[in-house]
PDB file of all heavy atoms in Angstrom:
ATOM      1  N   SER A   1       3.358  -8.496   1.310  1.00  0.00           N
ATOM      2  CA  SER A   1       2.298  -8.486   2.427  1.00  0.00           C
ATOM      3  C   SER A   1       1.000  -7.827   1.892  1.00  0.00           C
ATOM      4  O   SER A   1      -0.108  -8.188   2.325  1.00  0.00           O
ATOM      5  CB  SER A   1       2.757  -7.890   3.639  1.00  0.00           C
ATOM      6  OG  SER A   1       3.038  -6.606   3.586  1.00  0.00           O
ATOM      7  N   VAL A   2       1.126  -6.853   1.065  1.00  0.00           N
ATOM      8  CA  VAL A   2      -0.054  -6.189   0.476  1.00  0.00           C
ATOM      9  C   VAL A   2      -0.677  -7.159  -0.582  1.00  0.00           C
ATOM     10  O   VAL A   2      -2.001  -7.338  -0.498  1.00  0.00           O
ATOM     11  CB  VAL A   2       0.173  -4.953  -0.397  1.00  0.00           C
ATOM     12  CG1 VAL A   2      -1.014  -4.370  -1.024  1.00  0.00           C
ATOM     13  CG2 VAL A   2       0.847  -3.839   0.636  1.00  0.00           C
ATOM     14  N   ILE A   3       0.088  -7.935  -1.270  1.00  0.00           N
ATOM     15  CA  ILE A   3      -0.487  -8.955  -2.216  1.00  0.00           C
ATOM     16  C   ILE A   3      -1.297  -9.989  -1.459  1.00  0.00           C
ATOM     17  O   ILE A   3      -2.399 -10.452  -1.894  1.00  0.00           O
ATOM     18  CB  ILE A   3       0.709  -9.623  -3.033  1.00  0.00           C
ATOM     19  CG1 ILE A   3       1.321  -8.731  -4.037  1.00  0.00           C
ATOM     20  CG2 ILE A   3       0.113 -10.905  -3.807  1.00  0.00           C
ATOM     21  CD1 ILE A   3       2.580  -9.109  -4.756  1.00  0.00           C
ATOM     22  N   GLU A   4      -0.907 -10.348  -0.272  1.00  0.00           N
ATOM     23  CA  GLU A   4      -1.523 -11.423   0.574  1.00  0.00           C
ATOM     24  C   GLU A   4      -2.922 -10.895   0.838  1.00  0.00           C
ATOM     25  O   GLU A   4      -3.990 -11.727   1.002  1.00  0.00           O
ATOM     26  CB  GLU A   4      -0.794 -11.644   1.822  1.00  0.00           C
ATOM     27  CG  GLU A   4       0.424 -12.402   1.722  1.00  0.00           C
ATOM     28  CD  GLU A   4       1.192 -12.719   3.022  1.00  0.00           C
ATOM     29  OE1 GLU A   4       0.532 -12.368   4.037  1.00  0.00           O
ATOM     30  OE2 GLU A   4       2.268 -13.120   2.955  1.00  0.00           O
ATOM     31  N   LYS A   5      -3.239  -9.667   0.880  1.00  0.00           N
ATOM     32  CA  LYS A   5      -4.500  -9.119   1.265  1.00  0.00           C
ATOM     33  C   LYS A   5      -5.357  -8.673   0.032  1.00  0.00           C
ATOM     34  O   LYS A   5      -6.508  -8.284   0.291  1.00  0.00           O
ATOM     35  CB  LYS A   5      -4.444  -7.896   2.169  1.00  0.00           C
ATOM     36  CG  LYS A   5      -3.803  -8.249   3.706  1.00  0.00           C
ATOM     37  CD  LYS A   5      -4.902  -9.121   4.296  1.00  0.00           C
ATOM     38  CE  LYS A   5      -4.443  -9.275   5.802  1.00  0.00           C
ATOM     39  NZ  LYS A   5      -5.491 -10.140   6.533  1.00  0.00           N
ATOM     40  N   LEU A   6      -4.922  -8.842  -1.168  1.00  0.00           N
ATOM     41  CA  LEU A   6      -5.686  -8.457  -2.415  1.00  0.00           C
ATOM     42  C   LEU A   6      -7.149  -9.272  -2.313  1.00  0.00           C
ATOM     43  O   LEU A   6      -8.129  -8.735  -2.738  1.00  0.00           O
ATOM     44  CB  LEU A   6      -4.854  -8.752  -3.561  1.00  0.00           C
ATOM     45  CG  LEU A   6      -3.722  -7.805  -3.826  1.00  0.00           C
ATOM     46  CD1 LEU A   6      -2.912  -8.191  -5.069  1.00  0.00           C
ATOM     47  CD2 LEU A   6      -4.180  -6.329  -3.907  1.00  0.00           C
ATOM     48  N   PRO A   7      -7.052 -10.564  -2.082  1.00  0.00           N
ATOM     49  CA  PRO A   7      -8.263 -11.298  -2.051  1.00  0.00           C
ATOM     50  C   PRO A   7      -9.323 -10.624  -1.105  1.00  0.00           C
ATOM     51  O   PRO A   7     -10.632 -10.532  -1.410  1.00  0.00           O
ATOM     52  CB  PRO A   7      -8.146 -12.708  -1.746  1.00  0.00           C
ATOM     53  CG  PRO A   7      -6.677 -13.008  -2.018  1.00  0.00           C
ATOM     54  CD  PRO A   7      -5.940 -11.571  -1.823  1.00  0.00           C
ATOM     55  N   TYR A   8      -8.839 -10.136   0.097  1.00  0.00           N
ATOM     56  CA  TYR A   8      -9.734  -9.535   1.039  1.00  0.00           C
ATOM     57  C   TYR A   8     -10.344  -8.248   0.418  1.00  0.00           C
ATOM     58  O   TYR A   8     -11.476  -7.977   0.508  1.00  0.00           O
ATOM     59  CB  TYR A   8      -8.989  -9.211   2.248  1.00  0.00           C
ATOM     60  CG  TYR A   8      -9.519  -8.206   3.180  1.00  0.00           C
ATOM     61  CD1 TYR A   8     -10.504  -8.547   4.069  1.00  0.00           C
ATOM     62  CD2 TYR A   8      -9.252  -6.845   3.037  1.00  0.00           C
ATOM     63  CE1 TYR A   8     -11.218  -7.609   4.930  1.00  0.00           C
ATOM     64  CE2 TYR A   8      -9.784  -5.840   3.954  1.00  0.00           C
ATOM     65  CZ  TYR A   8     -10.773  -6.294   4.895  1.00  0.00           C
ATOM     66  OH  TYR A   8     -11.392  -5.165   5.575  1.00  0.00           O
ATOM     67  N   LEU A   9      -9.389  -7.455  -0.246  1.00  0.00           N
ATOM     68  CA  LEU A   9      -9.977  -6.170  -0.784  1.00  0.00           C
ATOM     69  C   LEU A   9     -10.883  -6.367  -1.970  1.00  0.00           C
ATOM     70  O   LEU A   9     -11.868  -5.789  -2.096  1.00  0.00           O
ATOM     71  CB  LEU A   9      -8.762  -5.441  -1.222  1.00  0.00           C
ATOM     72  CG  LEU A   9      -7.659  -4.908  -0.319  1.00  0.00           C
ATOM     73  CD1 LEU A   9      -6.517  -4.250  -0.838  1.00  0.00           C
ATOM     74  CD2 LEU A   9      -8.376  -3.836   0.691  1.00  0.00           C
ATOM     75  N   LYS A  10     -10.677  -7.452  -2.758  1.00  0.00           N
ATOM     76  CA  LYS A  10     -11.493  -7.823  -3.907  1.00  0.00           C
ATOM     77  C   LYS A  10     -12.959  -8.166  -3.258  1.00  0.00           C
ATOM     78  O   LYS A  10     -14.065  -7.703  -3.816  1.00  0.00           O
ATOM     79  CB  LYS A  10     -10.996  -8.879  -4.704  1.00  0.00           C
ATOM     80  CG  LYS A  10     -11.924  -9.216  -5.868  1.00  0.00           C
ATOM     81  CD  LYS A  10     -11.265 -10.317  -6.802  1.00  0.00           C
ATOM     82  CE  LYS A  10     -12.156 -10.674  -7.936  1.00  0.00           C
ATOM     83  NZ  LYS A  10     -12.563  -9.559  -8.814  1.00  0.00           N
ATOM     84  N   GLU A  11     -13.001  -8.954  -2.263  1.00  0.00           N
ATOM     85  CA  GLU A  11     -14.171  -9.378  -1.656  1.00  0.00           C
ATOM     86  C   GLU A  11     -14.828  -8.170  -0.960  1.00  0.00           C
ATOM     87  O   GLU A  11     -16.103  -8.040  -1.090  1.00  0.00           O
ATOM     88  CB  GLU A  11     -13.965 -10.428  -0.536  1.00  0.00           C
ATOM     89  CG  GLU A  11     -15.289 -10.983   0.056  1.00  0.00           C
ATOM     90  CD  GLU A  11     -14.986 -12.058   1.140  1.00  0.00           C
ATOM     91  OE1 GLU A  11     -13.792 -12.244   1.484  1.00  0.00           O
ATOM     92  OE2 GLU A  11     -16.022 -12.526   1.613  1.00  0.00           O
ATOM     93  N   LEU A  12     -14.138  -7.261  -0.466  1.00  0.00           N
ATOM     94  CA  LEU A  12     -14.719  -6.091   0.136  1.00  0.00           C
ATOM     95  C   LEU A  12     -15.341  -5.118  -1.045  1.00  0.00           C
ATOM     96  O   LEU A  12     -16.299  -4.452  -0.712  1.00  0.00           O
ATOM     97  CB  LEU A  12     -13.641  -5.271   0.848  1.00  0.00           C
ATOM     98  CG  LEU A  12     -14.068  -4.007   1.605  1.00  0.00           C
ATOM     99  CD1 LEU A  12     -14.992  -4.269   2.771  1.00  0.00           C
ATOM    100  CD2 LEU A  12     -12.753  -3.240   2.153  1.00  0.00           C
ATOM    101  N   GLY A  13     -14.894  -5.307  -2.225  1.00  0.00           N
ATOM    102  CA  GLY A  13     -15.514  -4.630  -3.362  1.00  0.00           C
ATOM    103  C   GLY A  13     -14.625  -3.469  -3.819  1.00  0.00           C
ATOM    104  O   GLY A  13     -15.043  -2.739  -4.710  1.00  0.00           O
ATOM    105  N   ILE A  14     -13.435  -3.422  -3.323  1.00  0.00           N
ATOM    106  CA  ILE A  14     -12.531  -2.296  -3.726  1.00  0.00           C
ATOM    107  C   ILE A  14     -12.050  -2.681  -5.181  1.00  0.00           C
ATOM    108  O   ILE A  14     -11.681  -3.794  -5.482  1.00  0.00           O
ATOM    109  CB  ILE A  14     -11.236  -2.348  -2.779  1.00  0.00           C
ATOM    110  CG1 ILE A  14     -11.769  -1.856  -1.376  1.00  0.00           C
ATOM    111  CG2 ILE A  14     -10.205  -1.325  -3.313  1.00  0.00           C
ATOM    112  CD1 ILE A  14     -12.439  -0.575  -1.178  1.00  0.00           C
ATOM    113  N   ASN A  15     -11.949  -1.632  -6.034  1.00  0.00           N
ATOM    114  CA  ASN A  15     -11.561  -1.825  -7.313  1.00  0.00           C
ATOM    115  C   ASN A  15     -10.333  -0.957  -7.768  1.00  0.00           C
ATOM    116  O   ASN A  15      -9.903  -0.868  -8.912  1.00  0.00           O
ATOM    117  CB  ASN A  15     -12.645  -1.791  -8.427  1.00  0.00           C
ATOM    118  CG  ASN A  15     -13.333  -0.372  -8.352  1.00  0.00           C
ATOM    119  OD1 ASN A  15     -12.986   0.520  -7.705  1.00  0.00           O
ATOM    120  ND2 ASN A  15     -14.435  -0.363  -9.230  1.00  0.00           N
ATOM    121  N   VAL A  16      -9.893  -0.203  -6.852  1.00  0.00           N
ATOM    122  CA  VAL A  16      -8.636   0.573  -7.019  1.00  0.00           C
ATOM    123  C   VAL A  16      -8.026   0.876  -5.737  1.00  0.00           C
ATOM    124  O   VAL A  16      -8.654   1.216  -4.708  1.00  0.00           O
ATOM    125  CB  VAL A  16      -8.848   1.820  -7.819  1.00  0.00           C
ATOM    126  CG1 VAL A  16      -9.779   2.721  -7.212  1.00  0.00           C
ATOM    127  CG2 VAL A  16      -7.545   2.498  -8.067  1.00  0.00           C
ATOM    128  N   ILE A  17      -6.702   0.622  -5.488  1.00  0.00           N
ATOM    129  CA  ILE A  17      -5.990   0.941  -4.363  1.00  0.00           C
ATOM    130  C   ILE A  17      -5.008   2.192  -4.665  1.00  0.00           C
ATOM    131  O   ILE A  17      -4.482   2.258  -5.764  1.00  0.00           O
ATOM    132  CB  ILE A  17      -5.053  -0.095  -3.808  1.00  0.00           C
ATOM    133  CG1 ILE A  17      -4.088  -0.758  -4.931  1.00  0.00           C
ATOM    134  CG2 ILE A  17      -5.949  -1.222  -3.246  1.00  0.00           C
ATOM    135  CD1 ILE A  17      -3.226  -1.836  -4.373  1.00  0.00           C
ATOM    136  N   GLN A  18      -5.004   3.023  -3.775  1.00  0.00           N
ATOM    137  CA  GLN A  18      -4.159   4.275  -3.823  1.00  0.00           C
ATOM    138  C   GLN A  18      -3.044   4.142  -2.880  1.00  0.00           C
ATOM    139  O   GLN A  18      -3.229   4.142  -1.631  1.00  0.00           O
ATOM    140  CB  GLN A  18      -4.964   5.604  -3.567  1.00  0.00           C
ATOM    141  CG  GLN A  18      -4.081   6.821  -3.744  1.00  0.00           C
ATOM    142  CD  GLN A  18      -4.877   8.000  -3.521  1.00  0.00           C
ATOM    143  OE1 GLN A  18      -6.035   8.372  -4.325  1.00  0.00           O
ATOM    144  NE2 GLN A  18      -4.614   8.808  -2.481  1.00  0.00           N
ATOM    145  N   ILE A  19      -1.753   4.067  -3.272  1.00  0.00           N
ATOM    146  CA  ILE A  19      -0.674   3.735  -2.468  1.00  0.00           C
ATOM    147  C   ILE A  19       0.159   5.005  -2.125  1.00  0.00           C
ATOM    148  O   ILE A  19       0.519   5.719  -2.963  1.00  0.00           O
ATOM    149  CB  ILE A  19       0.194   2.630  -3.178  1.00  0.00           C
ATOM    150  CG1 ILE A  19      -0.398   1.333  -3.492  1.00  0.00           C
ATOM    151  CG2 ILE A  19       1.642   2.386  -2.340  1.00  0.00           C
ATOM    152  CD1 ILE A  19       0.306   0.412  -4.155  1.00  0.00           C
ATOM    153  N   MET A  20       0.114   5.207  -0.794  1.00  0.00           N
ATOM    154  CA  MET A  20       0.981   6.373  -0.281  1.00  0.00           C
ATOM    155  C   MET A  20       2.409   6.206  -0.841  1.00  0.00           C
ATOM    156  O   MET A  20       2.943   4.970  -1.009  1.00  0.00           O
ATOM    157  CB  MET A  20       0.944   6.435   1.189  1.00  0.00           C
ATOM    158  CG  MET A  20      -0.480   6.808   1.694  1.00  0.00           C
ATOM    159  SD  MET A  20      -0.628   6.707   3.466  1.00  0.00           S
ATOM    160  CE  MET A  20       0.549   7.842   4.132  1.00  0.00           C
ATOM    161  N   PRO A  21       3.275   7.181  -1.031  1.00  0.00           N
ATOM    162  CA  PRO A  21       4.539   6.985  -1.807  1.00  0.00           C
ATOM    163  C   PRO A  21       5.393   6.014  -1.331  1.00  0.00           C
ATOM    164  O   PRO A  21       5.859   6.025  -0.156  1.00  0.00           O
ATOM    165  CB  PRO A  21       5.126   8.495  -1.535  1.00  0.00           C
ATOM    166  CG  PRO A  21       3.925   9.392  -1.320  1.00  0.00           C
ATOM    167  CD  PRO A  21       3.006   8.514  -0.505  1.00  0.00           C
ATOM    168  N   PRO A  22       5.722   4.970  -2.120  1.00  0.00           N
ATOM    169  CA  PRO A  22       6.626   3.928  -1.794  1.00  0.00           C
ATOM    170  C   PRO A  22       8.034   4.240  -2.450  1.00  0.00           C
ATOM    171  O   PRO A  22       8.766   3.342  -2.788  1.00  0.00           O
ATOM    172  CB  PRO A  22       6.056   2.709  -2.549  1.00  0.00           C
ATOM    173  CG  PRO A  22       5.465   3.277  -3.797  1.00  0.00           C
ATOM    174  CD  PRO A  22       4.987   4.726  -3.405  1.00  0.00           C
ATOM    175  N   LEU A  23       8.465   5.527  -2.468  1.00  0.00           N
ATOM    176  CA  LEU A  23       9.678   5.965  -3.073  1.00  0.00           C
ATOM    177  C   LEU A  23      10.767   5.874  -2.049  1.00  0.00           C
ATOM    178  O   LEU A  23      10.546   6.060  -0.756  1.00  0.00           O
ATOM    179  CB  LEU A  23       9.565   7.402  -3.624  1.00  0.00           C
ATOM    180  CG  LEU A  23       8.322   7.621  -4.379  1.00  0.00           C
ATOM    181  CD1 LEU A  23       8.191   9.012  -4.719  1.00  0.00           C
ATOM    182  CD2 LEU A  23       8.260   6.762  -5.691  1.00  0.00           C
ATOM    183  N   GLU A  24      12.029   5.736  -2.427  1.00  0.00           N
ATOM    184  CA  GLU A  24      13.151   5.489  -1.471  1.00  0.00           C
ATOM    185  C   GLU A  24      13.285   6.705  -0.463  1.00  0.00           C
ATOM    186  O   GLU A  24      13.332   7.758  -0.894  1.00  0.00           O
ATOM    187  CB  GLU A  24      14.452   5.339  -2.304  1.00  0.00           C
ATOM    188  CG  GLU A  24      15.614   4.904  -1.323  1.00  0.00           C
ATOM    189  CD  GLU A  24      15.459   3.508  -0.790  1.00  0.00           C
ATOM    190  OE1 GLU A  24      15.198   2.529  -1.501  1.00  0.00           O
ATOM    191  OE2 GLU A  24      15.719   3.467   0.499  1.00  0.00           O
ATOM    192  N   PHE A  25      13.175   6.387   0.767  1.00  0.00           N
ATOM    193  CA  PHE A  25      13.291   7.476   1.821  1.00  0.00           C
ATOM    194  C   PHE A  25      14.287   7.063   2.972  1.00  0.00           C
ATOM    195  O   PHE A  25      14.684   5.777   2.924  1.00  0.00           O
ATOM    196  CB  PHE A  25      11.878   7.617   2.452  1.00  0.00           C
ATOM    197  CG  PHE A  25      11.115   6.348   2.849  1.00  0.00           C
ATOM    198  CD1 PHE A  25      11.539   5.670   4.042  1.00  0.00           C
ATOM    199  CD2 PHE A  25       9.983   5.929   2.179  1.00  0.00           C
ATOM    200  CE1 PHE A  25      10.805   4.552   4.372  1.00  0.00           C
ATOM    201  CE2 PHE A  25       9.393   4.775   2.519  1.00  0.00           C
ATOM    202  CZ  PHE A  25       9.834   4.126   3.701  1.00  0.00           C
ATOM    203  N   PRO A  26      14.711   7.934   3.719  1.00  0.00           N
ATOM    204  CA  PRO A  26      15.633   7.550   4.838  1.00  0.00           C
ATOM    205  C   PRO A  26      15.079   6.539   5.713  1.00  0.00           C
ATOM    206  O   PRO A  26      13.916   6.668   6.222  1.00  0.00           O
ATOM    207  CB  PRO A  26      15.907   8.889   5.514  1.00  0.00           C
ATOM    208  CG  PRO A  26      15.625   9.910   4.471  1.00  0.00           C
ATOM    209  CD  PRO A  26      14.491   9.386   3.599  1.00  0.00           C
ATOM    210  N   GLY A  27      15.835   5.568   6.113  1.00  0.00           N
ATOM    211  CA  GLY A  27      15.357   4.546   7.175  1.00  0.00           C
ATOM    212  C   GLY A  27      14.260   3.666   6.590  1.00  0.00           C
ATOM    213  O   GLY A  27      14.086   3.552   5.373  1.00  0.00           O
ATOM    214  N   SER A  28      13.654   2.838   7.633  1.00  0.00           N
ATOM    215  CA  SER A  28      12.624   1.877   7.205  1.00  0.00           C
ATOM    216  C   SER A  28      11.341   2.325   7.327  1.00  0.00           C
ATOM    217  O   SER A  28      10.360   1.687   6.772  1.00  0.00           O
ATOM    218  CB  SER A  28      12.911   0.647   7.998  1.00  0.00           C
ATOM    219  OG  SER A  28      14.204   0.125   7.791  1.00  0.00           O
ATOM    220  N   PHE A  29      11.047   3.403   8.061  1.00  0.00           N
ATOM    221  CA  PHE A  29       9.622   3.802   8.434  1.00  0.00           C
ATOM    222  C   PHE A  29       9.478   5.288   8.067  1.00  0.00           C
ATOM    223  O   PHE A  29      10.269   6.225   8.256  1.00  0.00           O
ATOM    224  CB  PHE A  29       9.509   3.611   9.971  1.00  0.00           C
ATOM    225  CG  PHE A  29       9.534   2.397  10.382  1.00  0.00           C
ATOM    226  CD1 PHE A  29      10.688   1.801  10.979  1.00  0.00           C
ATOM    227  CD2 PHE A  29       8.410   1.463  10.332  1.00  0.00           C
ATOM    228  CE1 PHE A  29      10.832   0.566  11.395  1.00  0.00           C
ATOM    229  CE2 PHE A  29       8.515   0.132  10.876  1.00  0.00           C
ATOM    230  CZ  PHE A  29       9.722  -0.178  11.321  1.00  0.00           C
ATOM    231  N   SER A  30       8.417   5.500   7.203  1.00  0.00           N
ATOM    232  CA  SER A  30       8.048   6.839   6.744  1.00  0.00           C
ATOM    233  C   SER A  30       6.578   6.832   6.218  1.00  0.00           C
ATOM    234  O   SER A  30       6.185   5.796   5.696  1.00  0.00           O
ATOM    235  CB  SER A  30       9.042   7.441   5.720  1.00  0.00           C
ATOM    236  OG  SER A  30       8.663   8.465   5.086  1.00  0.00           O
ATOM    237  N   TRP A  31       6.042   8.068   6.159  1.00  0.00           N
ATOM    238  CA  TRP A  31       4.815   8.159   5.474  1.00  0.00           C
ATOM    239  C   TRP A  31       5.036   8.054   4.020  1.00  0.00           C
ATOM    240  O   TRP A  31       4.187   7.671   3.152  1.00  0.00           O
ATOM    241  CB  TRP A  31       4.171   9.584   5.758  1.00  0.00           C
ATOM    242  CG  TRP A  31       3.540   9.750   7.075  1.00  0.00           C
ATOM    243  CD1 TRP A  31       3.875   9.135   8.227  1.00  0.00           C
ATOM    244  CD2 TRP A  31       2.520  10.623   7.395  1.00  0.00           C
ATOM    245  NE1 TRP A  31       3.177   9.600   9.226  1.00  0.00           N
ATOM    246  CE2 TRP A  31       2.358  10.481   8.780  1.00  0.00           C
ATOM    247  CE3 TRP A  31       1.744  11.588   6.689  1.00  0.00           C
ATOM    248  CZ2 TRP A  31       1.219  11.227   9.478  1.00  0.00           C
ATOM    249  CZ3 TRP A  31       0.807  12.315   7.377  1.00  0.00           C
ATOM    250  CH2 TRP A  31       0.571  12.127   8.777  1.00  0.00           C
ATOM    251  N   GLY A  32       6.186   8.287   3.509  1.00  0.00           N
ATOM    252  CA  GLY A  32       6.614   8.341   2.119  1.00  0.00           C
ATOM    253  C   GLY A  32       6.773   9.704   1.473  1.00  0.00           C
ATOM    254  O   GLY A  32       7.123   9.749   0.352  1.00  0.00           O
ATOM    255  N   TYR A  33       6.266  10.829   2.236  1.00  0.00           N
ATOM    256  CA  TYR A  33       6.319  12.198   1.640  1.00  0.00           C
ATOM    257  C   TYR A  33       7.693  12.840   1.777  1.00  0.00           C
ATOM    258  O   TYR A  33       7.648  14.118   1.778  1.00  0.00           O
ATOM    259  CB  TYR A  33       5.130  12.946   2.181  1.00  0.00           C
ATOM    260  CG  TYR A  33       3.859  12.304   1.863  1.00  0.00           C
ATOM    261  CD1 TYR A  33       3.196  11.505   2.790  1.00  0.00           C
ATOM    262  CD2 TYR A  33       3.321  12.477   0.646  1.00  0.00           C
ATOM    263  CE1 TYR A  33       1.974  10.940   2.531  1.00  0.00           C
ATOM    264  CE2 TYR A  33       2.018  11.836   0.282  1.00  0.00           C
ATOM    265  CZ  TYR A  33       1.390  11.073   1.223  1.00  0.00           C
ATOM    266  OH  TYR A  33       0.166  10.410   0.902  1.00  0.00           O
ATOM    267  N   ASN A  34       8.797  12.131   1.964  1.00  0.00           N
ATOM    268  CA  ASN A  34      10.074  12.622   2.163  1.00  0.00           C
ATOM    269  C   ASN A  34      11.007  11.904   1.151  1.00  0.00           C
ATOM    270  O   ASN A  34      11.967  11.315   1.578  1.00  0.00           O
ATOM    271  CB  ASN A  34      10.526  12.658   3.498  1.00  0.00           C
ATOM    272  CG  ASN A  34      10.582  11.221   4.048  1.00  0.00           C
ATOM    273  OD1 ASN A  34       9.838  10.370   3.734  1.00  0.00           O
ATOM    274  ND2 ASN A  34      11.476  10.891   4.930  1.00  0.00           N
TER     275      ASN A  34
END
């Protein structure tokens, strides 16, 4: 779903995305800092 929005981000002018931690965490919902 992030890939789907890459054209939007490119058009916006973004040239780097910073991704909050996508590391394995308990459950399906988290900020990623656990």
